Amino acid sequence: MAAAVTAAASSSVSPAPTERTIRWGICGTGTIASDFVTVLKHLPATEVAAVGSRSQASADRFGDRFGVAAGKRYANYAALAADAS
C-alpha cells in the first residue's frame, strides 16, 4: 500500500505560492510512522517538524533518519503535544 501512495504522491504538483506549509508532529517511531513520513517527504508544502516516542534513543534514531531537528525529538508524547510550534 505504501508503494501505491508513494507513487501517487510523487506525481503531485508543486504548491501554489500562497499555500502554507503543513508542519507535522509524528507520534511514534515504528513502521507505520516511518511509512507515513516516507510518503510525506514526497508531498508539497509538508514538513516533519517533530517526533515523539517512548524513549529519547528511538526519537533520535527516527529524527536522524528523517531530518527532524535535534531540539524537536521528544522522549514522550506529552512533550510533543506541549510543543506549540
Protein backbone atom coordinates (compact mmCIF):
# COMPACT_ATOMS: atom_id res chain seq x y z
CA MET A 1 0.00 0.00 0.00
CA ALA A 2 2.80 2.44 0.83
CA ALA A 3 4.24 1.98 -2.66
CA ALA A 4 0.93 2.94 -4.25
CA VAL A 5 0.62 6.01 -2.04
CA THR A 6 4.23 6.97 -2.72
CA ALA A 7 3.69 6.67 -6.46
CA ALA A 8 0.60 8.85 -6.30
CA ALA A 9 2.33 11.39 -4.07
CA SER A 10 5.37 11.71 -6.32
CA SER A 11 3.16 12.78 -9.22
CA SER A 12 1.69 15.75 -7.33
CA VAL A 13 2.28 19.30 -8.46
CA SER A 14 4.25 22.00 -6.66
CA PRO A 15 2.34 24.07 -4.12
CA ALA A 16 0.89 27.41 -5.11
CA PRO A 17 3.00 30.35 -3.87
CA THR A 18 0.30 31.29 -1.35
CA GLU A 19 -0.03 27.76 0.06
CA ARG A 20 1.17 27.36 3.65
CA THR A 21 3.41 24.51 4.74
CA ILE A 22 1.76 21.93 6.99
CA ARG A 23 4.10 21.03 9.83
CA TRP A 24 3.63 17.51 11.19
CA GLY A 25 4.39 16.18 14.65
CA ILE A 26 4.75 12.42 14.49
CA CYS A 27 3.62 10.26 17.45
CA GLY A 28 5.63 7.07 17.43
CA THR A 29 8.65 5.80 15.58
CA GLY A 30 7.54 2.39 14.33
CA THR A 31 6.86 1.03 10.87
CA ILE A 32 3.60 2.88 10.30
CA ALA A 33 5.15 6.21 11.33
CA SER A 34 8.15 5.55 9.08
CA ASP A 35 5.94 4.66 6.11
CA PHE A 36 3.78 7.74 6.72
CA VAL A 37 6.79 10.09 6.85
CA THR A 38 8.30 8.48 3.75
CA VAL A 39 5.13 9.45 1.87
CA LEU A 40 5.02 12.94 3.44
CA LYS A 41 8.50 13.63 2.09
CA HIS A 42 7.06 13.37 -1.44
CA LEU A 43 4.22 15.82 -0.87
CA PRO A 44 4.44 19.56 -1.46
CA ALA A 45 4.06 22.03 1.41
CA THR A 46 4.75 19.49 4.17
CA GLU A 47 7.44 19.33 6.85
CA VAL A 48 8.14 16.75 9.53
CA ALA A 49 8.67 19.22 12.35
CA ALA A 50 8.86 16.99 15.44
CA VAL A 51 8.68 13.43 16.69
CA GLY A 52 7.61 11.91 19.99
CA SER A 53 8.49 8.43 21.19
CA ARG A 54 8.59 6.38 24.38
CA SER A 55 12.38 6.84 24.54
CA GLN A 56 14.86 9.53 23.57
CA ALA A 57 17.03 6.99 21.75
CA SER A 58 14.16 5.97 19.48
CA ALA A 59 13.17 9.59 18.82
CA ASP A 60 16.79 10.40 17.95
CA ARG A 61 17.12 7.46 15.54
CA PHE A 62 13.88 8.47 13.80
CA GLY A 63 14.97 12.11 13.72
CA ASP A 64 18.33 11.19 12.19
CA ARG A 65 16.62 9.11 9.54
CA PHE A 66 14.04 11.74 8.56
CA GLY A 67 15.82 15.02 9.26
CA VAL A 68 13.97 16.15 12.38
CA ALA A 69 15.86 18.90 14.25
CA ALA A 70 17.57 17.72 17.44
CA GLY A 71 15.52 20.07 19.63
CA LYS A 72 12.27 18.64 18.26
CA ARG A 73 12.81 14.99 19.23
CA TYR A 74 10.83 14.14 22.34
CA ALA A 75 11.16 11.21 24.73
CA ASN A 76 7.43 11.19 25.48
CA TYR A 77 4.17 12.05 23.77
CA ALA A 78 3.16 14.71 26.29
CA ALA A 79 6.23 16.79 25.44
CA LEU A 80 5.41 16.53 21.74
CA ALA A 81 1.82 17.63 22.38
CA ALA A 82 3.04 20.55 24.51
CA ASP A 83 5.21 21.93 21.67
CA ALA A 84 3.13 24.86 20.39
CA SER A 85 5.16 25.22 17.22
